[in-house]
Every structure is written in C-alpha cells, then in structure tokens.
C-alpha cells in the first residue's frame, strides 16, 4: 500500500506495478483528472483525515505539499514562516499536534501544509518515503531527513533538475527520499553528463523548431492544494526573448511557429495593426513538456488544466525517485516508468 498526500497526477503515473494507492486530493478538477487517468482518489482535506486506518499497512508514503508560499506567486511569505514550520515538524515528530496554533500564526495559510507529512510519518512509519517541492524548501526537507535518520531511516535530501533525467524542460526541485530497510541515495542523472544522452530540447518534445537552449520551466500554482510558480507568464516571456534569435553559429534558436492568432478587432483593422501570436503553450504542449503519456485527459477549465499539469511532478523525475527509495532502480523502462 502506498499512501499519497496532495496527490495531483504526476507520481501516480509511475507507481510500481501492483501497487495499492490510497490518494488524497482536494481539488475537484484534479480528482476528475485522476479518475479519467485510471487512478483512484479520496477527495478530502488530507490534514483532517485520520491516519489510523493505514497503521501497520503502509509500504510507501508520497507527498508534494503546496508550495506557492515559498516562491513569487505567494510573495515568498512561506520563507518568513519557516521557523514556525520547523517548530510544527519538530512537534509532530514527537507526537505533539500543534498544527492549528502554528498554522494560525503563519503569514501564509499554506505554509503549515509542508509540515503535514510528518504527522503521517510518525504514525505510519512507512517502509519508504518520497517528497518534492520547490528548491527553497530544501531546509525543511533536511530537517525531515535528520528526524528520519534518528528513527533509523536512511534519508537524503537535495535539489535535482528534472532535465537531467530526460525531461524537456528545466525544472529544479527539492526532493527527499528515505527508507528504513535499505541505504538510499539520490538517483544519478541520466542525461547531460559525460557519456550520457544530451539534455532533451524543447523542440524534440513539441516541435517548436531548432534550439540548443534548455526549455523554460513549466510550472503551476496558486491553489490551496498544490502548485509552484505562476503558470505560463514566465514561459511565454522566455520564449518571446528567444524567438527569432540565433546562436553563436548563426543558427536560428526558435523556428517560426504556426500558432493561433486571435481575430483582429475593428479598431486594429482600421489602424493596420496585426495581433501578436499567442506564445503561451497549450495544455497538450505543457503536458508533453512535463513528460505525460500521450492522450492523458486533463479536466476542468483551461486554467485548472494548466494548474494540474504545472503542479504535477514530472513522471520522468518521479520514477527514479520512487525507484531509489523503494529499491527498484533496475526496473525502470526506457521511458523512465516502472516496467511491469
């Protein structure tokens, strides 16, 4: 049994074959997306769900708590809340639940959610653990690792870039893996190093033209249930800066793209103005950049779909993390997923 908090969609796509996943997710559109993808889900606020039904039965525990408070979309108020988060984690590691009082004192109400996994770890003592968030949360993951080592786990925390595992975008994440039955290490990069395949270019993923630069990061965020940086704006601006430029060899970095252009207004027609192309990637293109399988349906409004995609842990990163934590490193297929 794998108990999965703040579930979204990414981790579930690469769980070991035969896994029984108990997944908690609050977002309605994210829940529908999970069901459409063939994954079970319990729609609830995971902070209010009891842990006792899973005691003595949990093999793995996975969490990607919401992270907008720790970056620009949340005004980085979560960074100011770090001392409170550290205290809540320390309390929970001793069986003392101070979440309500400490959460009320936080500047960002989502900050306390980063402490939530410790409640489950203390009660369930899973065989292995995987966690992920934005890089600025690394000190929190290091605290988790120190506590878990005190309980007899092998644990490691660090910042990795999903591009080094074959993803067609730059996506740095603070991650933690731990096991109480084996020694663990962060998975070694598979792309971009000496003797390894080169980093995957955005052009190879969605066909936007020749490029030698890493793709901009596809991110999501802003919701209570999960997220990272605001989706789309940074991506569009980064693309706009490179459209039409050339590299040191005079080669075009980004080829012209057949993008949808909105219908001009009467005023624009009268003034001879041409609408600018929409450089924001579509949901389908973002899903490809996140490494999702073809044909995966995302539910909800366009904004909700972008958030679900952007909030997700890329499967190409999730798979090696789970494999390292669960001792399945030899069971990854050519696509980075768990081989049956």
Protein backbone atom coordinates (compact mmCIF):
# COMPACT_ATOMS: atom_id res chain seq x y z
CA UNK A 1 0.00 0.00 0.00
CA UNK A 2 1.23 3.47 -0.94
CA UNK A 3 -0.37 6.43 0.86
CA UNK A 4 -0.23 9.57 -1.26
CA UNK A 5 -0.95 13.05 0.10
CA UNK A 6 -1.64 16.12 -2.07
CA UNK A 7 -1.91 13.64 -4.90
CA UNK A 8 -2.38 15.53 -8.16
CA UNK A 9 -1.45 13.28 -11.06
CA UNK A 10 2.34 13.02 -11.59
CA UNK A 11 3.59 10.45 -9.07
CA UNK A 12 0.68 8.08 -9.72
CA UNK A 13 1.66 7.64 -13.35
CA UNK A 14 4.84 5.72 -12.44
CA UNK A 15 3.99 3.69 -9.34
CA UNK A 16 5.34 0.12 -9.26
CA UNK A 17 3.02 -2.42 -10.91
CA UNK A 18 0.54 -3.94 -8.49
CA UNK A 19 0.67 -1.01 -6.06
CA UNK A 20 -2.40 -0.26 -3.98
CA UNK A 21 -2.53 3.54 -3.89
CA UNK A 22 -4.55 5.48 -1.33
CA UNK A 23 -4.50 9.02 -2.74
CA UNK A 24 -5.86 12.19 -1.15
CA UNK A 25 -6.66 15.28 -3.24
CA UNK A 26 -8.84 18.29 -2.52
CA UNK A 27 -9.15 19.88 -5.97
CA UNK A 28 -12.29 18.78 -7.81
CA UNK A 29 -10.77 19.08 -11.30
CA UNK A 30 -7.64 17.25 -10.20
CA UNK A 31 -9.77 14.44 -8.78
CA UNK A 32 -11.66 14.10 -12.07
CA UNK A 33 -8.35 14.07 -13.93
CA UNK A 34 -7.11 11.23 -11.73
CA UNK A 35 -10.26 9.19 -12.33
CA UNK A 36 -10.04 9.78 -16.08
CA UNK A 37 -6.43 8.56 -15.97
CA UNK A 38 -7.43 5.37 -14.15
CA UNK A 39 -6.24 6.35 -10.68
CA UNK A 40 -8.36 6.10 -7.53
CA UNK A 41 -8.73 9.11 -5.25
CA UNK A 42 -10.31 10.23 -2.00
CA UNK A 43 -11.44 13.82 -2.31
CA UNK A 44 -10.80 15.46 1.04
CA UNK A 45 -8.63 17.81 3.05
CA UNK A 46 -5.75 15.49 3.91
CA UNK A 47 -5.00 17.49 7.07
CA UNK A 48 -8.34 16.33 8.51
CA UNK A 49 -8.06 12.66 7.52
CA UNK A 50 -7.19 10.10 10.22
CA UNK A 51 -4.02 8.06 9.90
CA UNK A 52 -5.10 5.04 11.96
CA UNK A 53 -6.68 3.04 9.06
CA UNK A 54 -3.22 2.74 7.48
CA UNK A 55 -1.07 1.90 10.51
CA UNK A 56 0.97 -1.23 10.00
CA UNK A 57 -0.13 -1.48 6.38
CA UNK A 58 1.83 1.26 4.61
CA UNK A 59 4.75 0.41 2.37
CA UNK A 60 5.36 3.83 0.79
CA UNK A 61 4.44 7.45 1.56
CA UNK A 62 4.50 10.18 -1.10
CA UNK A 63 3.89 13.92 -0.66
CA UNK A 64 4.22 17.08 -2.74
CA UNK A 65 2.69 19.74 -0.46
CA UNK A 66 1.58 23.09 -1.92
CA UNK A 67 4.45 25.47 -2.46
CA UNK A 68 3.17 28.87 -3.72
CA UNK A 69 4.02 30.46 -0.37
CA UNK A 70 7.68 29.66 -0.90
CA UNK A 71 8.05 31.46 -4.23
CA UNK A 72 6.97 34.55 -6.13
CA UNK A 73 3.31 33.60 -6.59
CA UNK A 74 2.87 33.54 -2.82
CA UNK A 75 5.07 36.61 -2.24
CA UNK A 76 7.52 34.21 -0.54
CA UNK A 77 5.64 34.58 2.75
CA UNK A 78 6.33 30.92 3.37
CA UNK A 79 10.02 31.74 3.77
CA UNK A 80 9.09 34.06 6.62
CA UNK A 81 7.06 31.23 8.12
CA UNK A 82 9.95 28.75 8.07
CA UNK A 83 10.71 28.96 11.82
CA UNK A 84 7.07 28.15 12.55
CA UNK A 85 7.07 25.28 10.04
CA UNK A 86 10.23 23.88 11.59
CA UNK A 87 8.60 24.01 15.03
CA UNK A 88 5.46 22.25 13.80
CA UNK A 89 7.57 19.48 12.23
CA UNK A 90 9.57 19.04 15.41
CA UNK A 91 6.38 18.86 17.47
CA UNK A 92 4.74 16.34 15.14
CA UNK A 93 7.88 14.19 15.21
CA UNK A 94 7.30 13.83 18.95
CA UNK A 95 3.60 13.09 18.63
CA UNK A 96 2.51 16.61 19.60
CA UNK A 97 -0.01 18.15 17.19
CA UNK A 98 0.41 21.93 17.17
CA UNK A 99 -0.70 22.43 13.58
CA UNK A 100 -3.75 24.55 14.39
CA UNK A 101 -1.98 27.05 16.62
CA UNK A 102 1.13 27.31 14.48
CA UNK A 103 -0.89 27.47 11.26
CA UNK A 104 -2.87 30.39 12.64
CA UNK A 105 0.37 32.26 13.29
CA UNK A 106 1.72 31.74 9.77
CA UNK A 107 1.67 34.64 7.33
CA UNK A 108 0.62 32.27 4.53
CA UNK A 109 -2.04 29.71 5.46
CA UNK A 110 -0.46 27.15 3.13
CA UNK A 111 2.91 27.14 4.88
CA UNK A 112 1.77 24.72 7.58
CA UNK A 113 0.91 22.14 4.91
CA UNK A 114 4.63 21.49 4.45
CA UNK A 115 4.63 20.04 7.98
CA UNK A 116 1.64 17.75 7.29
CA UNK A 117 3.65 14.74 6.03
CA UNK A 118 5.38 14.43 9.41
CA UNK A 119 2.05 13.57 11.07
CA UNK A 120 1.74 10.60 8.73
CA UNK A 121 5.38 9.53 9.00
CA UNK A 122 5.20 9.49 12.79
CA UNK A 123 2.01 7.45 12.85
CA UNK A 124 2.66 5.08 9.93
CA UNK A 125 6.43 4.57 9.84
CA UNK A 126 6.30 3.64 6.13
CA UNK A 127 8.99 1.46 4.61
CA UNK A 128 9.99 4.20 2.17
CA UNK A 129 9.23 7.91 1.64
CA UNK A 130 9.39 10.35 -1.30
CA UNK A 131 8.74 14.09 -1.08
CA UNK A 132 9.11 17.00 -3.51
CA UNK A 133 8.73 20.78 -3.51
CA UNK A 134 10.40 23.95 -4.82
CA UNK A 135 14.13 24.40 -4.10
CA UNK A 136 13.62 26.97 -1.33
CA UNK A 137 12.02 24.24 0.82
CA UNK A 138 15.28 22.27 0.98
CA UNK A 139 15.97 23.31 4.63
CA UNK A 140 12.62 21.76 5.60
CA UNK A 141 13.44 18.52 3.79
CA UNK A 142 16.83 18.48 5.51
CA UNK A 143 15.03 18.73 8.86
CA UNK A 144 12.82 15.80 7.85
CA UNK A 145 15.91 13.80 6.86
CA UNK A 146 17.58 14.46 10.22
CA UNK A 147 14.49 13.33 12.10
CA UNK A 148 14.04 10.24 9.95
CA UNK A 149 17.67 9.23 10.49
CA UNK A 150 17.01 9.46 14.22
CA UNK A 151 14.23 6.92 13.72
CA UNK A 152 16.56 4.51 11.92
CA UNK A 153 15.87 5.52 8.33
CA UNK A 154 18.45 6.10 5.65
CA UNK A 155 17.48 9.53 4.28
CA UNK A 156 18.85 12.06 1.81
CA UNK A 157 17.61 15.48 0.67
CA UNK A 158 18.85 17.68 -2.15
CA UNK A 159 17.97 19.75 -5.20
CA UNK A 160 17.75 17.96 -8.54
CA UNK A 161 16.86 19.14 -12.04
CA UNK A 162 14.34 17.02 -13.96
CA UNK A 163 16.16 17.96 -17.17
CA UNK A 164 18.97 15.66 -16.04
CA UNK A 165 16.54 12.73 -16.10
CA UNK A 166 15.37 13.27 -19.66
CA UNK A 167 12.66 15.91 -19.24
CA UNK A 168 12.41 18.51 -22.00
CA UNK A 169 12.48 21.48 -19.64
CA UNK A 170 14.50 22.92 -16.78
CA UNK A 171 12.69 22.05 -13.55
CA UNK A 172 14.67 22.15 -10.32
CA UNK A 173 13.08 20.61 -7.25
CA UNK A 174 13.98 19.97 -3.64
CA UNK A 175 13.43 16.27 -3.03
CA UNK A 176 13.73 13.81 -0.17
CA UNK A 177 13.87 10.04 -0.27
CA UNK A 178 14.14 7.74 2.73
CA UNK A 179 13.96 4.06 3.57
CA UNK A 180 14.05 2.07 6.79
CA UNK A 181 15.06 -1.16 5.05
CA UNK A 182 17.92 -0.07 2.73
CA UNK A 183 20.51 2.65 2.20
CA UNK A 184 19.35 5.33 -0.22
CA UNK A 185 20.98 7.90 -2.46
CA UNK A 186 19.51 10.47 -4.82
CA UNK A 187 19.28 8.90 -8.28
CA UNK A 188 22.22 9.67 -10.51
CA UNK A 189 21.46 11.90 -13.52
CA UNK A 190 20.87 10.03 -16.77
CA UNK A 191 21.17 12.92 -19.26
CA UNK A 192 23.64 15.70 -19.97
CA UNK A 193 26.69 14.11 -18.42
CA UNK A 194 29.82 12.54 -19.88
CA UNK A 195 28.85 9.52 -21.96
CA UNK A 196 25.14 10.19 -21.45
CA UNK A 197 22.45 11.31 -23.89
CA UNK A 198 22.27 15.11 -24.25
CA UNK A 199 19.65 17.13 -22.44
CA UNK A 200 16.30 16.87 -24.19
CA UNK A 201 15.47 20.01 -26.18
CA UNK A 202 12.02 21.52 -26.17
CA UNK A 203 11.98 21.24 -29.96
CA UNK A 204 12.32 17.48 -29.69
CA UNK A 205 9.29 17.35 -27.41
CA UNK A 206 6.75 19.66 -29.03
CA UNK A 207 8.39 20.61 -32.33
CA UNK A 208 8.68 24.34 -31.96
CA UNK A 209 11.86 24.48 -34.02
CA UNK A 210 15.60 24.09 -33.59
CA UNK A 211 17.07 25.04 -30.24
CA UNK A 212 20.19 24.45 -28.21
CA UNK A 213 18.85 26.06 -25.08
CA UNK A 214 17.04 24.33 -22.22
CA UNK A 215 13.31 24.85 -22.34
CA UNK A 216 11.72 27.27 -19.88
CA UNK A 217 10.25 25.66 -16.81
CA UNK A 218 6.61 24.62 -16.97
CA UNK A 219 5.12 25.43 -13.61
CA UNK A 220 1.76 25.69 -11.96
CA UNK A 221 0.48 27.12 -8.78
CA UNK A 222 -1.51 29.37 -6.63
CA UNK A 223 -4.03 26.87 -5.28
CA UNK A 224 -4.52 25.58 -1.78
CA UNK A 225 -3.95 22.00 -2.85
CA UNK A 226 -0.72 22.42 -4.72
CA UNK A 227 1.38 24.46 -7.04
CA UNK A 228 4.51 26.34 -7.78
CA UNK A 229 5.30 29.47 -9.74
CA UNK A 230 2.54 31.18 -11.80
CA UNK A 231 1.98 29.11 -14.91
CA UNK A 232 2.52 30.49 -18.36
CA UNK A 233 3.78 34.04 -17.95
CA UNK A 234 7.44 33.24 -17.38
CA UNK A 235 7.30 30.55 -20.02
CA UNK A 236 5.83 32.90 -22.60
CA UNK A 237 8.31 35.68 -21.81
CA UNK A 238 11.27 33.31 -22.02
CA UNK A 239 10.06 32.06 -25.38
CA UNK A 240 9.44 35.56 -26.66
CA UNK A 241 13.01 36.53 -25.84
CA UNK A 242 14.39 33.69 -27.94
CA UNK A 243 12.04 33.77 -30.95
CA UNK A 244 13.97 34.92 -33.98
CA UNK A 245 17.39 34.94 -32.30
CA UNK A 246 20.40 32.94 -33.43
CA UNK A 247 23.16 31.05 -31.67
CA UNK A 248 26.90 31.62 -31.97
CA UNK A 249 26.90 29.69 -35.26
CA UNK A 250 24.23 31.87 -36.79
CA UNK A 251 21.56 29.19 -36.49
CA UNK A 252 18.01 30.12 -35.57
CA UNK A 253 17.23 29.17 -31.98
CA UNK A 254 13.50 29.03 -32.45
CA UNK A 255 11.85 28.45 -35.80
CA UNK A 256 8.67 30.30 -36.71
CA UNK A 257 5.71 28.51 -35.29
CA UNK A 258 2.21 28.09 -36.65
CA UNK A 259 0.46 29.48 -33.60
CA UNK A 260 -3.15 30.60 -33.26
CA UNK A 261 -3.62 34.31 -33.71
CA UNK A 262 -6.79 35.92 -32.40
CA UNK A 263 -9.16 37.69 -34.73
CA UNK A 264 -8.25 41.41 -35.04
CA UNK A 265 -10.67 43.98 -33.70
CA UNK A 266 -12.29 46.57 -35.98
CA UNK A 267 -10.07 49.24 -34.48
CA UNK A 268 -6.93 47.19 -35.16
CA UNK A 269 -8.02 46.61 -38.75
CA UNK A 270 -8.63 50.33 -39.21
CA UNK A 271 -5.22 51.15 -37.74
CA UNK A 272 -3.46 48.44 -39.75
CA UNK A 273 -2.34 46.57 -36.65
CA UNK A 274 -1.71 42.81 -36.65
CA UNK A 275 -2.41 40.80 -33.50
CA UNK A 276 0.64 39.22 -31.95
CA UNK A 277 0.88 35.42 -31.83
CA UNK A 278 -0.10 33.71 -28.59
CA UNK A 279 3.16 32.25 -27.35
CA UNK A 280 1.66 30.53 -24.32
CA UNK A 281 1.93 26.74 -24.72
CA UNK A 282 -1.31 24.81 -24.93
CA UNK A 283 -2.30 22.34 -22.22
CA UNK A 284 -1.34 19.47 -24.53
CA UNK A 285 2.10 21.00 -25.19
CA UNK A 286 2.68 21.59 -21.48
CA UNK A 287 1.69 18.00 -20.76
CA UNK A 288 4.31 16.85 -23.27
CA UNK A 289 6.92 19.08 -21.66
CA UNK A 290 6.02 17.52 -18.30
CA UNK A 291 6.57 14.09 -19.80
CA UNK A 292 3.00 12.82 -19.58
CA UNK A 293 1.82 9.96 -21.75
CA UNK A 294 0.01 10.85 -24.95
CA UNK A 295 -3.76 11.12 -24.72
CA UNK A 296 -3.94 11.84 -20.99
CA UNK A 297 -7.08 13.93 -20.41
CA UNK A 298 -7.00 16.90 -18.05
CA UNK A 299 -10.30 18.07 -16.59
CA UNK A 300 -11.73 21.41 -15.56
CA UNK A 301 -11.46 24.88 -17.03
CA UNK A 302 -8.46 25.83 -19.16
CA UNK A 303 -6.90 27.49 -16.13
CA UNK A 304 -7.49 24.45 -13.96
CA UNK A 305 -5.99 22.17 -16.58
CA UNK A 306 -2.85 24.31 -16.79
CA UNK A 307 -2.57 24.21 -13.00
CA UNK A 308 -2.97 20.43 -12.85
CA UNK A 309 -0.23 19.97 -15.44
CA UNK A 310 2.07 22.57 -13.93
CA UNK A 311 1.58 21.37 -10.35
CA UNK A 312 2.47 17.79 -11.20
CA UNK A 313 5.74 16.07 -10.50
CA UNK A 314 7.10 15.11 -13.94
CA UNK A 315 6.89 11.32 -14.34
CA UNK A 316 10.49 11.25 -15.60
CA UNK A 317 11.57 12.64 -12.23
CA UNK A 318 9.06 10.78 -10.07
CA UNK A 319 10.05 7.36 -11.43
CA UNK A 320 13.76 7.42 -10.50
CA UNK A 321 12.95 8.92 -7.09
CA UNK A 322 10.47 6.14 -6.28
CA UNK A 323 12.84 3.54 -7.69
CA UNK A 324 15.68 4.82 -5.48
CA UNK A 325 13.52 4.90 -2.36
CA UNK A 326 11.83 1.54 -2.95
CA UNK A 327 14.88 -0.33 -4.23
CA UNK A 328 13.56 -0.70 -7.78
CA UNK A 329 16.32 1.07 -9.70
CA UNK A 330 16.69 -1.86 -12.10
CA UNK A 331 13.01 -1.82 -13.00
CA UNK A 332 12.77 1.43 -14.97
CA UNK A 333 11.85 1.06 -18.62
CA UNK A 334 13.13 3.19 -21.49
CA UNK A 335 10.54 5.86 -20.74
CA UNK A 336 11.53 6.26 -17.10
CA UNK A 337 8.43 4.47 -15.84
CA UNK A 338 8.24 1.32 -13.78
CA UNK A 339 8.49 -1.74 -16.00
CA UNK A 340 5.83 -4.36 -15.47
